[in-house]
PDB file of N, CA and C in Angstrom:
ATOM      1  N   MET A   1       0.841  -1.163   0.000  1.00  0.00           N
ATOM      2  CA  MET A   1       0.000   0.000   0.000  1.00  0.00           C
ATOM      3  C   MET A   1       0.896   1.238   0.000  1.00  0.00           C
ATOM      4  N   SER A   2       0.581   2.212  -0.827  1.00  0.00           N
ATOM      5  CA  SER A   2       1.407   3.405  -0.911  1.00  0.00           C
ATOM      6  C   SER A   2       1.061   4.377   0.213  1.00  0.00           C
ATOM      7  N   GLU A   3       2.068   5.155   0.589  1.00  0.00           N
ATOM      8  CA  GLU A   3       1.857   6.148   1.642  1.00  0.00           C
ATOM      9  C   GLU A   3       1.177   7.374   1.060  1.00  0.00           C
ATOM     10  N   LYS A   4       0.346   7.993   1.859  1.00  0.00           N
ATOM     11  CA  LYS A   4      -0.358   9.191   1.433  1.00  0.00           C
ATOM     12  C   LYS A   4       0.593  10.385   1.477  1.00  0.00           C
ATOM     13  N   VAL A   5       0.607  11.160   0.417  1.00  0.00           N
ATOM     14  CA  VAL A   5       1.454  12.348   0.361  1.00  0.00           C
ATOM     15  C   VAL A   5       0.808  13.426   1.225  1.00  0.00           C
ATOM     16  N   PRO A   6       1.585  14.040   2.136  1.00  0.00           N
ATOM     17  CA  PRO A   6       0.994  15.061   3.010  1.00  0.00           C
ATOM     18  C   PRO A   6       0.604  16.311   2.227  1.00  0.00           C
ATOM     19  N   ALA A   7      -0.330  17.058   2.797  1.00  0.00           N
ATOM     20  CA  ALA A   7      -0.769  18.302   2.164  1.00  0.00           C
ATOM     21  C   ALA A   7       0.357  19.322   2.210  1.00  0.00           C
ATOM     22  N   ARG A   8       0.394  20.161   1.192  1.00  0.00           N
ATOM     23  CA  ARG A   8       1.421  21.196   1.116  1.00  0.00           C
ATOM     24  C   ARG A   8       1.214  22.206   2.250  1.00  0.00           C
ATOM     25  N   PRO A   9       2.283  22.571   2.976  1.00  0.00           N
ATOM     26  CA  PRO A   9       2.121  23.494   4.097  1.00  0.00           C
ATOM     27  C   PRO A   9       1.735  24.895   3.614  1.00  0.00           C
ATOM     28  N   ALA A  10       0.833  25.518   4.360  1.00  0.00           N
ATOM     29  CA  ALA A  10       0.388  26.874   4.055  1.00  0.00           C
ATOM     30  C   ALA A  10       0.568  27.731   5.300  1.00  0.00           C
ATOM     31  N   TRP A  11       1.048  28.936   5.130  1.00  0.00           N
ATOM     32  CA  TRP A  11       1.345  29.801   6.275  1.00  0.00           C
ATOM     33  C   TRP A  11       0.084  30.136   7.059  1.00  0.00           C
ATOM     34  N   TYR A  12      -1.053  30.245   6.399  1.00  0.00           N
ATOM     35  CA  TYR A  12      -2.273  30.652   7.086  1.00  0.00           C
ATOM     36  C   TYR A  12      -2.841  29.553   7.980  1.00  0.00           C
ATOM     37  N   LYS A  13      -2.317  28.349   7.880  1.00  0.00           N
ATOM     38  CA  LYS A  13      -2.753  27.271   8.767  1.00  0.00           C
ATOM     39  C   LYS A  13      -1.967  27.264  10.079  1.00  0.00           C
ATOM     40  N   ASN A  14      -0.955  28.097  10.176  1.00  0.00           N
ATOM     41  CA  ASN A  14      -0.113  28.163  11.362  1.00  0.00           C
ATOM     42  C   ASN A  14      -0.730  29.141  12.363  1.00  0.00           C
ATOM     43  N   THR A  15      -1.075  28.670  13.542  1.00  0.00           N
ATOM     44  CA  THR A  15      -1.751  29.483  14.553  1.00  0.00           C
ATOM     45  C   THR A  15      -0.882  30.625  15.065  1.00  0.00           C
ATOM     46  N   TYR A  16       0.431  30.447  15.056  1.00  0.00           N
ATOM     47  CA  TYR A  16       1.319  31.514  15.521  1.00  0.00           C
ATOM     48  C   TYR A  16       1.085  32.812  14.748  1.00  0.00           C
ATOM     49  N   PHE A  17       0.872  32.716  13.441  1.00  0.00           N
ATOM     50  CA  PHE A  17       0.633  33.915  12.641  1.00  0.00           C
ATOM     51  C   PHE A  17      -0.679  34.587  13.021  1.00  0.00           C
ATOM     52  N   TRP A  18      -1.716  33.794  13.304  1.00  0.00           N
ATOM     53  CA  TRP A  18      -3.010  34.367  13.701  1.00  0.00           C
ATOM     54  C   TRP A  18      -2.912  35.069  15.053  1.00  0.00           C
ATOM     55  N   ILE A  19      -2.199  34.461  15.994  1.00  0.00           N
ATOM     56  CA  ILE A  19      -2.024  35.080  17.309  1.00  0.00           C
ATOM     57  C   ILE A  19      -1.200  36.362  17.170  1.00  0.00           C
ATOM     58  N   ALA A  20      -0.159  36.324  16.333  1.00  0.00           N
ATOM     59  CA  ALA A  20       0.657  37.526  16.106  1.00  0.00           C
ATOM     60  C   ALA A  20      -0.185  38.647  15.513  1.00  0.00           C
ATOM     61  N   ALA A  21      -1.068  38.323  14.580  1.00  0.00           N
ATOM     62  CA  ALA A  21      -1.932  39.347  13.976  1.00  0.00           C
ATOM     63  C   ALA A  21      -2.893  39.922  15.008  1.00  0.00           C
ATOM     64  N   ALA A  22      -3.458  39.075  15.856  1.00  0.00           N
ATOM     65  CA  ALA A  22      -4.379  39.555  16.883  1.00  0.00           C
ATOM     66  C   ALA A  22      -3.667  40.462  17.880  1.00  0.00           C
ATOM     67  N   LEU A  23      -2.469  40.061  18.287  1.00  0.00           N
ATOM     68  CA  LEU A  23      -1.705  40.892  19.224  1.00  0.00           C
ATOM     69  C   LEU A  23      -1.303  42.220  18.587  1.00  0.00           C
ATOM     70  N   LEU A  24      -0.978  42.199  17.313  1.00  0.00           N
ATOM     71  CA  LEU A  24      -0.624  43.436  16.620  1.00  0.00           C
ATOM     72  C   LEU A  24      -1.819  44.383  16.547  1.00  0.00           C
ATOM     73  N   LEU A  25      -2.993  43.848  16.215  1.00  0.00           N
ATOM     74  CA  LEU A  25      -4.200  44.681  16.159  1.00  0.00           C
ATOM     75  C   LEU A  25      -4.541  45.252  17.536  1.00  0.00           C
ATOM     76  N   LEU A  26      -4.414  44.451  18.572  1.00  0.00           N
ATOM     77  CA  LEU A  26      -4.666  44.944  19.925  1.00  0.00           C
ATOM     78  C   LEU A  26      -3.658  46.015  20.319  1.00  0.00           C
ATOM     79  N   SER A  27      -2.413  45.812  19.939  1.00  0.00           N
ATOM     80  CA  SER A  27      -1.378  46.795  20.249  1.00  0.00           C
ATOM     81  C   SER A  27      -1.637  48.116  19.528  1.00  0.00           C
ATOM     82  N   ILE A  28      -2.002  48.043  18.268  1.00  0.00           N
ATOM     83  CA  ILE A  28      -2.288  49.270  17.502  1.00  0.00           C
ATOM     84  C   ILE A  28      -3.491  49.999  18.101  1.00  0.00           C
ATOM     85  N   SER A  29      -4.529  49.242  18.455  1.00  0.00           N
ATOM     86  CA  SER A  29      -5.705  49.888  19.045  1.00  0.00           C
ATOM     87  C   SER A  29      -5.366  50.504  20.401  1.00  0.00           C
ATOM     88  N   ALA A  30      -4.454  49.893  21.155  1.00  0.00           N
ATOM     89  CA  ALA A  30      -4.043  50.463  22.439  1.00  0.00           C
ATOM     90  C   ALA A  30      -3.210  51.721  22.233  1.00  0.00           C
ATOM     91  N   PHE A  31      -2.400  51.760  21.181  1.00  0.00           N
ATOM     92  CA  PHE A  31      -1.641  52.981  20.895  1.00  0.00           C
ATOM     93  C   PHE A  31      -2.573  54.115  20.477  1.00  0.00           C
ATOM     94  N   LEU A  32      -3.637  53.791  19.739  1.00  0.00           N
ATOM     95  CA  LEU A  32      -4.549  54.820  19.238  1.00  0.00           C
ATOM     96  C   LEU A  32      -5.565  55.274  20.295  1.00  0.00           C
ATOM     97  N   ARG A  33      -6.135  54.348  21.058  1.00  0.00           N
ATOM     98  CA  ARG A  33      -7.223  54.677  21.993  1.00  0.00           C
ATOM     99  C   ARG A  33      -6.809  54.668  23.461  1.00  0.00           C
ATOM    100  N   GLY A  34      -5.633  54.188  23.737  1.00  0.00           N
ATOM    101  CA  GLY A  34      -5.193  54.116  25.133  1.00  0.00           C
ATOM    102  C   GLY A  34      -5.163  52.687  25.620  1.00  0.00           C
ATOM    103  N   PRO A  35      -4.436  52.430  26.703  1.00  0.00           N
ATOM    104  CA  PRO A  35      -4.259  51.059  27.191  1.00  0.00           C
ATOM    105  C   PRO A  35      -5.516  50.442  27.797  1.00  0.00           C
ATOM    106  N   ASP A  36      -6.556  51.249  28.054  1.00  0.00           N
ATOM    107  CA  ASP A  36      -7.786  50.684  28.627  1.00  0.00           C
ATOM    108  C   ASP A  36      -8.473  49.728  27.657  1.00  0.00           C
ATOM    109  N   VAL A  37      -8.150  49.810  26.376  1.00  0.00           N
ATOM    110  CA  VAL A  37      -8.749  48.921  25.372  1.00  0.00           C
ATOM    111  C   VAL A  37      -8.334  47.466  25.621  1.00  0.00           C
ATOM    112  N   ILE A  38      -7.110  47.248  26.050  1.00  0.00           N
ATOM    113  CA  ILE A  38      -6.619  45.874  26.197  1.00  0.00           C
ATOM    114  C   ILE A  38      -6.459  45.450  27.649  1.00  0.00           C
ATOM    115  N   ARG A  39      -6.704  46.348  28.567  1.00  0.00           N
ATOM    116  CA  ARG A  39      -6.543  46.009  29.984  1.00  0.00           C
ATOM    117  C   ARG A  39      -7.663  45.088  30.421  1.00  0.00           C
ATOM    118  N   ASP A  40      -7.319  44.049  31.173  1.00  0.00           N
ATOM    119  CA  ASP A  40      -8.317  43.133  31.734  1.00  0.00           C
ATOM    120  C   ASP A  40      -9.040  43.806  32.899  1.00  0.00           C
ATOM    121  N   PRO A  41     -10.275  43.428  33.145  1.00  0.00           N
ATOM    122  CA  PRO A  41     -10.976  43.979  34.314  1.00  0.00           C
ATOM    123  C   PRO A  41     -10.260  43.561  35.601  1.00  0.00           C
ATOM    124  N   GLY A  42     -10.027  44.514  36.457  1.00  0.00           N
ATOM    125  CA  GLY A  42      -9.352  44.237  37.718  1.00  0.00           C
ATOM    126  C   GLY A  42      -7.838  44.291  37.625  1.00  0.00           C
ATOM    127  N   GLN A  43      -7.304  44.430  36.440  1.00  0.00           N
ATOM    128  CA  GLN A  43      -5.853  44.490  36.269  1.00  0.00           C
ATOM    129  C   GLN A  43      -5.373  45.866  36.713  1.00  0.00           C
ATOM    130  N   LYS A  44      -4.269  45.897  37.446  1.00  0.00           N
ATOM    131  CA  LYS A  44      -3.764  47.196  37.888  1.00  0.00           C
ATOM    132  C   LYS A  44      -3.186  47.946  36.695  1.00  0.00           C
ATOM    133  N   ARG A  45      -3.201  49.218  36.774  1.00  0.00           N
ATOM    134  CA  ARG A  45      -2.742  50.069  35.674  1.00  0.00           C
ATOM    135  C   ARG A  45      -1.214  50.081  35.631  1.00  0.00           C
ATOM    136  N   GLU A  46      -0.717  49.737  34.455  1.00  0.00           N
ATOM    137  CA  GLU A  46       0.730  49.722  34.233  1.00  0.00           C
ATOM    138  C   GLU A  46       1.026  50.473  32.947  1.00  0.00           C
ATOM    139  N   GLY A  47       2.160  51.092  32.891  1.00  0.00           N
ATOM    140  CA  GLY A  47       2.566  51.785  31.677  1.00  0.00           C
ATOM    141  C   GLY A  47       3.212  50.810  30.697  1.00  0.00           C
ATOM    142  N   GLY A  48       3.076  51.095  29.425  1.00  0.00           N
ATOM    143  CA  GLY A  48       3.751  50.301  28.411  1.00  0.00           C
ATOM    144  C   GLY A  48       3.028  49.022  28.027  1.00  0.00           C
ATOM    145  N   LEU A  49       1.755  48.908  28.348  1.00  0.00           N
ATOM    146  CA  LEU A  49       1.015  47.689  28.024  1.00  0.00           C
ATOM    147  C   LEU A  49       0.915  47.474  26.511  1.00  0.00           C
ATOM    148  N   ALA A  50       0.709  48.552  25.769  1.00  0.00           N
ATOM    149  CA  ALA A  50       0.638  48.443  24.309  1.00  0.00           C
ATOM    150  C   ALA A  50       1.984  48.009  23.727  1.00  0.00           C
ATOM    151  N   LEU A  51       3.061  48.484  24.321  1.00  0.00           N
ATOM    152  CA  LEU A  51       4.394  48.087  23.855  1.00  0.00           C
ATOM    153  C   LEU A  51       4.638  46.599  24.120  1.00  0.00           C
ATOM    154  N   TRP A  52       4.186  46.098  25.267  1.00  0.00           N
ATOM    155  CA  TRP A  52       4.336  44.673  25.565  1.00  0.00           C
ATOM    156  C   TRP A  52       3.570  43.822  24.562  1.00  0.00           C
ATOM    157  N   TYR A  53       2.382  44.271  24.182  1.00  0.00           N
ATOM    158  CA  TYR A  53       1.603  43.534  23.187  1.00  0.00           C
ATOM    159  C   TYR A  53       2.301  43.556  21.832  1.00  0.00           C
ATOM    160  N   LEU A  54       2.932  44.654  21.506  1.00  0.00           N
ATOM    161  CA  LEU A  54       3.686  44.745  20.245  1.00  0.00           C
ATOM    162  C   LEU A  54       4.878  43.786  20.263  1.00  0.00           C
ATOM    163  N   VAL A  55       5.598  43.747  21.363  1.00  0.00           N
ATOM    164  CA  VAL A  55       6.743  42.826  21.493  1.00  0.00           C
ATOM    165  C   VAL A  55       6.251  41.372  21.410  1.00  0.00           C
ATOM    166  N   ALA A  56       5.138  41.081  22.071  1.00  0.00           N
ATOM    167  CA  ALA A  56       4.586  39.716  22.020  1.00  0.00           C
ATOM    168  C   ALA A  56       4.168  39.354  20.595  1.00  0.00           C
ATOM    169  N   SER A  57       3.668  40.328  19.851  1.00  0.00           N
ATOM    170  CA  SER A  57       3.294  40.090  18.454  1.00  0.00           C
ATOM    171  C   SER A  57       4.515  39.710  17.621  1.00  0.00           C
ATOM    172  N   VAL A  58       5.607  40.425  17.832  1.00  0.00           N
ATOM    173  CA  VAL A  58       6.838  40.119  17.086  1.00  0.00           C
ATOM    174  C   VAL A  58       7.360  38.729  17.460  1.00  0.00           C
ATOM    175  N   VAL A  59       7.326  38.402  18.743  1.00  0.00           N
ATOM    176  CA  VAL A  59       7.790  37.081  19.196  1.00  0.00           C
ATOM    177  C   VAL A  59       6.939  35.973  18.575  1.00  0.00           C
ATOM    178  N   MET A  60       5.640  36.155  18.551  1.00  0.00           N
ATOM    179  CA  MET A  60       4.761  35.138  17.961  1.00  0.00           C
ATOM    180  C   MET A  60       4.972  35.030  16.453  1.00  0.00           C
ATOM    181  N   TYR A  61       5.250  36.146  15.790  1.00  0.00           N
ATOM    182  CA  TYR A  61       5.525  36.095  14.351  1.00  0.00           C
ATOM    183  C   TYR A  61       6.813  35.317  14.082  1.00  0.00           C
ATOM    184  N   VAL A  62       7.846  35.560  14.881  1.00  0.00           N
ATOM    185  CA  VAL A  62       9.112  34.823  14.710  1.00  0.00           C
ATOM    186  C   VAL A  62       8.893  33.336  14.956  1.00  0.00           C
ATOM    187  N   ASN A  63       8.115  32.996  15.989  1.00  0.00           N
ATOM    188  CA  ASN A  63       7.788  31.587  16.233  1.00  0.00           C
ATOM    189  C   ASN A  63       7.070  30.970  15.039  1.00  0.00           C
ATOM    190  N   GLY A  64       6.126  31.706  14.482  1.00  0.00           N
ATOM    191  CA  GLY A  64       5.394  31.213  13.313  1.00  0.00           C
ATOM    192  C   GLY A  64       6.298  31.018  12.121  1.00  0.00           C
ATOM    193  N   TRP A  65       7.197  31.967  11.894  1.00  0.00           N
ATOM    194  CA  TRP A  65       8.109  31.870  10.751  1.00  0.00           C
ATOM    195  C   TRP A  65       9.027  30.657  10.903  1.00  0.00           C
ATOM    196  N   LEU A  66       9.594  30.483  12.100  1.00  0.00           N
ATOM    197  CA  LEU A  66      10.476  29.328  12.327  1.00  0.00           C
ATOM    198  C   LEU A  66       9.710  28.011  12.188  1.00  0.00           C
ATOM    199  N   SER A  67       8.518  27.972  12.748  1.00  0.00           N
ATOM    200  CA  SER A  67       7.699  26.770  12.665  1.00  0.00           C
ATOM    201  C   SER A  67       7.329  26.452  11.212  1.00  0.00           C
ATOM    202  N   HIS A  68       6.978  27.472  10.468  1.00  0.00           N
ATOM    203  CA  HIS A  68       6.606  27.262   9.061  1.00  0.00           C
ATOM    204  C   HIS A  68       7.805  26.795   8.240  1.00  0.00           C
ATOM    205  N   GLN A  69       8.976  27.367   8.472  1.00  0.00           N
ATOM    206  CA  GLN A  69      10.169  26.948   7.741  1.00  0.00           C
ATOM    207  C   GLN A  69      10.496  25.486   8.024  1.00  0.00           C
ATOM    208  N   GLN A  70      10.349  25.069   9.275  1.00  0.00           N
ATOM    209  CA  GLN A  70      10.603  23.668   9.627  1.00  0.00           C
ATOM    210  C   GLN A  70       9.590  22.748   8.954  1.00  0.00           C
ATOM    211  N   THR A  71       8.335  23.175   8.903  1.00  0.00           N
ATOM    212  CA  THR A  71       7.298  22.370   8.261  1.00  0.00           C
ATOM    213  C   THR A  71       7.556  22.237   6.769  1.00  0.00           C
ATOM    214  N   VAL A  72       7.961  23.327   6.134  1.00  0.00           N
ATOM    215  CA  VAL A  72       8.267  23.298   4.699  1.00  0.00           C
ATOM    216  C   VAL A  72       9.462  22.388   4.433  1.00  0.00           C
ATOM    217  N   ARG A  73      10.481  22.460   5.284  1.00  0.00           N
ATOM    218  CA  ARG A  73      11.666  21.610   5.113  1.00  0.00           C
ATOM    219  C   ARG A  73      11.291  20.131   5.231  1.00  0.00           C
ATOM    220  N   LEU A  74      10.476  19.797   6.229  1.00  0.00           N
ATOM    221  CA  LEU A  74      10.039  18.416   6.404  1.00  0.00           C
ATOM    222  C   LEU A  74       9.196  17.953   5.223  1.00  0.00           C
ATOM    223  N   TYR A  75       8.318  18.819   4.737  1.00  0.00           N
ATOM    224  CA  TYR A  75       7.482  18.487   3.575  1.00  0.00           C
ATOM    225  C   TYR A  75       8.360  18.198   2.352  1.00  0.00           C
ATOM    226  N   ARG A  76       9.352  19.038   2.125  1.00  0.00           N
ATOM    227  CA  ARG A  76      10.244  18.821   0.970  1.00  0.00           C
ATOM    228  C   ARG A  76      11.019  17.525   1.095  1.00  0.00           C
ATOM    229  N   GLU A  77      11.438  17.179   2.311  1.00  0.00           N
ATOM    230  CA  GLU A  77      12.145  15.913   2.509  1.00  0.00           C
ATOM    231  C   GLU A  77      11.232  14.731   2.222  1.00  0.00           C
ATOM    232  N   MET A  78      10.000  14.801   2.715  1.00  0.00           N
ATOM    233  CA  MET A  78       9.068  13.687   2.527  1.00  0.00           C
ATOM    234  C   MET A  78       8.639  13.564   1.071  1.00  0.00           C
ATOM    235  N   VAL A  79       8.273  14.661   0.452  1.00  0.00           N
ATOM    236  CA  VAL A  79       7.796  14.619  -0.924  1.00  0.00           C
ATOM    237  C   VAL A  79       8.961  14.408  -1.883  1.00  0.00           C
ATOM    238  N   GLY A  80      10.102  14.983  -1.582  1.00  0.00           N
ATOM    239  CA  GLY A  80      11.272  14.802  -2.438  1.00  0.00           C
ATOM    240  C   GLY A  80      11.708  13.357  -2.482  1.00  0.00           C
ATOM    241  N   ASP A  81      11.700  12.678  -1.336  1.00  0.00           N
ATOM    242  CA  ASP A  81      12.059  11.257  -1.294  1.00  0.00           C
ATOM    243  C   ASP A  81      11.034  10.421  -2.044  1.00  0.00           C
ATOM    244  N   ALA A  82       9.761  10.759  -1.903  1.00  0.00           N
ATOM    245  CA  ALA A  82       8.709  10.003  -2.583  1.00  0.00           C
ATOM    246  C   ALA A  82       8.791  10.199  -4.089  1.00  0.00           C
ATOM    247  N   GLU A  83       9.081  11.425  -4.525  1.00  0.00           N
ATOM    248  CA  GLU A  83       9.164  11.704  -5.962  1.00  0.00           C
ATOM    249  C   GLU A  83      10.360  11.001  -6.593  1.00  0.00           C
ATOM    250  N   THR A  84      11.507  11.001  -5.921  1.00  0.00           N
ATOM    251  CA  THR A  84      12.673  10.338  -6.497  1.00  0.00           C
ATOM    252  C   THR A  84      12.494   8.831  -6.521  1.00  0.00           C
ATOM    253  N   ALA A  85      11.825   8.264  -5.508  1.00  0.00           N
ATOM    254  CA  ALA A  85      11.599   6.813  -5.486  1.00  0.00           C
ATOM    255  C   ALA A  85      10.636   6.403  -6.593  1.00  0.00           C
ATOM    256  N   GLU A  86       9.644   7.241  -6.851  1.00  0.00           N
ATOM    257  CA  GLU A  86       8.677   6.920  -7.898  1.00  0.00           C
ATOM    258  C   GLU A  86       9.250   7.150  -9.291  1.00  0.00           C
ATOM    259  N   SER A  87      10.112   8.127  -9.446  1.00  0.00           N
ATOM    260  CA  SER A  87      10.591   8.478 -10.783  1.00  0.00           C
ATOM    261  C   SER A  87      11.778   7.625 -11.230  1.00  0.00           C
ATOM    262  N   LYS A  88      12.482   6.975 -10.323  1.00  0.00           N
ATOM    263  CA  LYS A  88      13.649   6.188 -10.717  1.00  0.00           C
ATOM    264  C   LYS A  88      13.318   5.019 -11.640  1.00  0.00           C
ATOM    265  N   PRO A  89      12.330   4.178 -11.344  1.00  0.00           N
ATOM    266  CA  PRO A  89      12.091   3.038 -12.226  1.00  0.00           C
ATOM    267  C   PRO A  89      11.609   3.445 -13.616  1.00  0.00           C
ATOM    268  N   THR A  90      10.863   4.507 -13.733  1.00  0.00           N
ATOM    269  CA  THR A  90      10.317   4.895 -15.023  1.00  0.00           C
ATOM    270  C   THR A  90      11.211   5.866 -15.773  1.00  0.00           C
ATOM    271  N   GLU A  91      12.198   6.393 -15.106  1.00  0.00           N
ATOM    272  CA  GLU A  91      13.059   7.395 -15.730  1.00  0.00           C
ATOM    273  C   GLU A  91      14.079   6.703 -16.632  1.00  0.00           C
ATOM    274  N   ALA A  92      14.113   7.105 -17.877  1.00  0.00           N
ATOM    275  CA  ALA A  92      15.090   6.548 -18.816  1.00  0.00           C
ATOM    276  C   ALA A  92      16.183   7.582 -19.046  1.00  0.00           C
ATOM    277  N   LYS A  93      17.404   7.109 -19.015  1.00  0.00           N
ATOM    278  CA  LYS A  93      18.522   8.014 -19.208  1.00  0.00           C
ATOM    279  C   LYS A  93      18.752   8.221 -20.699  1.00  0.00           C
ATOM    280  N   ALA A  94      18.822   9.465 -21.097  1.00  0.00           N
ATOM    281  CA  ALA A  94      19.067   9.800 -22.494  1.00  0.00           C
ATOM    282  C   ALA A  94      20.540   9.576 -22.806  1.00  0.00           C
ATOM    283  N   PRO A  95      20.845   9.058 -23.976  1.00  0.00           N
ATOM    284  CA  PRO A  95      22.250   8.854 -24.325  1.00  0.00           C
ATOM    285  C   PRO A  95      22.952  10.185 -24.511  1.00  0.00           C
ATOM    286  N   ASP A  96      24.209  10.201 -24.163  1.00  0.00           N
ATOM    287  CA  ASP A  96      24.989  11.426 -24.322  1.00  0.00           C
ATOM    288  C   ASP A  96      25.219  11.697 -25.807  1.00  0.00           C
ATOM    289  N   ALA A  97      25.171  12.956 -26.180  1.00  0.00           N
ATOM    290  CA  ALA A  97      25.372  13.334 -27.578  1.00  0.00           C
ATOM    291  C   ALA A  97      26.821  13.073 -27.988  1.00  0.00           C
ATOM    292  N   ILE A  98      27.727  13.429 -27.123  1.00  0.00           N
ATOM    293  CA  ILE A  98      29.142  13.208 -27.406  1.00  0.00           C
ATOM    294  C   ILE A  98      29.684  12.322 -26.296  1.00  0.00           C
ATOM    295  N   ALA A  99      30.048  11.122 -26.664  1.00  0.00           N
ATOM    296  CA  ALA A  99      30.548  10.185 -25.674  1.00  0.00           C
ATOM    297  C   ALA A  99      31.998  10.521 -25.353  1.00  0.00           C
ATOM    298  N   PRO A 100      32.388  10.387 -24.104  1.00  0.00           N
ATOM    299  CA  PRO A 100      33.780  10.658 -23.759  1.00  0.00           C
ATOM    300  C   PRO A 100      34.670   9.575 -24.358  1.00  0.00           C
ATOM    301  N   PRO A 101      35.903   9.908 -24.677  1.00  0.00           N
ATOM    302  CA  PRO A 101      36.796   8.911 -25.278  1.00  0.00           C
ATOM    303  C   PRO A 101      37.096   7.778 -24.303  1.00  0.00           C
ATOM    304  N   ASN A 102      37.177   6.578 -24.863  1.00  0.00           N
ATOM    305  CA  ASN A 102      37.486   5.404 -24.066  1.00  0.00           C
ATOM    306  C   ASN A 102      38.998   5.238 -24.066  1.00  0.00           C
ATOM    307  N   PRO A 103      39.647   5.280 -22.915  1.00  0.00           N
ATOM    308  CA  PRO A 103      41.108   5.190 -22.886  1.00  0.00           C
ATOM    309  C   PRO A 103      41.640   3.842 -23.386  1.00  0.00           C
ATOM    310  N   ALA A 104      40.846   2.785 -23.309  1.00  0.00           N
ATOM    311  CA  ALA A 104      41.315   1.472 -23.754  1.00  0.00           C
ATOM    312  C   ALA A 104      41.402   1.403 -25.276  1.00  0.00           C
ATOM    313  N   THR A 105      40.522   2.116 -25.988  1.00  0.00           N
ATOM    314  CA  THR A 105      40.520   2.045 -27.445  1.00  0.00           C
ATOM    315  C   THR A 105      41.185   3.251 -28.096  1.00  0.00           C
ATOM    316  N   ALA A 106      41.642   4.187 -27.308  1.00  0.00           N
ATOM    317  CA  ALA A 106      42.258   5.392 -27.881  1.00  0.00           C
ATOM    318  C   ALA A 106      43.627   5.063 -28.457  1.00  0.00           C
ATOM    319  N   VAL A 107      43.909   5.648 -29.591  1.00  0.00           N
ATOM    320  CA  VAL A 107      45.209   5.455 -30.229  1.00  0.00           C
ATOM    321  C   VAL A 107      46.164   6.494 -29.655  1.00  0.00           C
ATOM    322  N   PRO A 108      47.301   6.030 -29.102  1.00  0.00           N
ATOM    323  CA  PRO A 108      48.228   7.002 -28.515  1.00  0.00           C
ATOM    324  C   PRO A 108      48.898   7.841 -29.604  1.00  0.00           C
ATOM    325  N   GLU A 109      48.994   9.121 -29.317  1.00  0.00           N
ATOM    326  CA  GLU A 109      49.662  10.016 -30.251  1.00  0.00           C
ATOM    327  C   GLU A 109      51.158   9.932 -30.012  1.00  0.00           C
ATOM    328  N   PRO A 110      51.931  10.089 -31.070  1.00  0.00           N
ATOM    329  CA  PRO A 110      53.383  10.040 -30.862  1.00  0.00           C
ATOM    330  C   PRO A 110      53.829  11.238 -30.031  1.00  0.00           C
ATOM    331  N   SER A 111      54.689  10.962 -29.110  1.00  0.00           N
ATOM    332  CA  SER A 111      55.149  12.037 -28.241  1.00  0.00           C
ATOM    333  C   SER A 111      56.208  12.860 -28.945  1.00  0.00           C
ATOM    334  N   THR A 112      56.330  14.078 -28.564  1.00  0.00           N
ATOM    335  CA  THR A 112      57.332  14.972 -29.182  1.00  0.00           C
ATOM    336  C   THR A 112      58.712  14.608 -28.713  1.00  0.00           C
ATOM    337  N   GLU A 113      58.836  13.986 -27.553  1.00  0.00           N
ATOM    338  CA  GLU A 113      60.151  13.587 -27.065  1.00  0.00           C
ATOM    339  C   GLU A 113      60.765  12.533 -27.971  1.00  0.00           C
ATOM    340  N   SER A 114      59.955  11.568 -28.421  1.00  0.00           N
ATOM    341  CA  SER A 114      60.499  10.519 -29.255  1.00  0.00           C
ATOM    342  C   SER A 114      60.917  11.077 -30.626  1.00  0.00           C
ATOM    343  N   GLN A 115      60.193  12.068 -31.102  1.00  0.00           N
ATOM    344  CA  GLN A 115      60.563  12.666 -32.388  1.00  0.00           C
ATOM    345  C   GLN A 115      61.845  13.453 -32.251  1.00  0.00           C
ATOM    346  N   THR A 116      62.006  14.184 -31.189  1.00  0.00           N
ATOM    347  CA  THR A 116      63.235  14.972 -31.048  1.00  0.00           C
ATOM    348  C   THR A 116      64.423  14.073 -30.800  1.00  0.00           C
ATOM    349  N   THR A 117      64.258  12.964 -30.108  1.00  0.00           N
ATOM    350  CA  THR A 117      65.405  12.096 -29.890  1.00  0.00           C
ATOM    351  C   THR A 117      65.779  11.373 -31.166  1.00  0.00           C
ATOM    352  N   GLU A 118      64.802  11.040 -32.014  1.00  0.00           N
ATOM    353  CA  GLU A 118      65.102  10.394 -33.279  1.00  0.00           C
ATOM    354  C   GLU A 118      65.754  11.381 -34.248  1.00  0.00           C
ATOM    355  N   GLU A 119      65.341  12.626 -34.231  1.00  0.00           N
ATOM    356  CA  GLU A 119      65.921  13.632 -35.115  1.00  0.00           C
ATOM    357  C   GLU A 119      67.338  13.979 -34.714  1.00  0.00           C
ATOM    358  N   THR A 120      67.625  13.950 -33.454  1.00  0.00           N
ATOM    359  CA  THR A 120      68.954  14.308 -32.988  1.00  0.00           C
ATOM    360  C   THR A 120      69.960  13.207 -33.222  1.00  0.00           C
ATOM    361  N   ARG A 121      69.518  12.014 -33.497  1.00  0.00           N
ATOM    362  CA  ARG A 121      70.459  10.913 -33.704  1.00  0.00           C
ATOM    363  C   ARG A 121      71.088  10.949 -35.012  1.00  0.00           C
TER     364      ARG A 121
END
């Protein structure tokens, strides 16, 4: 039974990117309207809350990018191995247009040393 080829990885299926986008939108809204937009009820007032959300957005984006790159690399390894295994038996090698010379059948050319030694005699 043949193995099922995995689906091609897509960046939008990675949750890290969605969380990064949500944190970025919350951070932008906090910069525009004030930190009360993102503050939890009962949370004490702290400065820089919008900046923390922006930093968290960048961290989540980097996590998503690294995760996606690893997924793409694994996909290429799995699909690349499957494609080469499937294509080897059916792949026919085309003959070379110009075959390299065979050293066993090549006729040796006379060396210049032998000609000069014969001429000098």
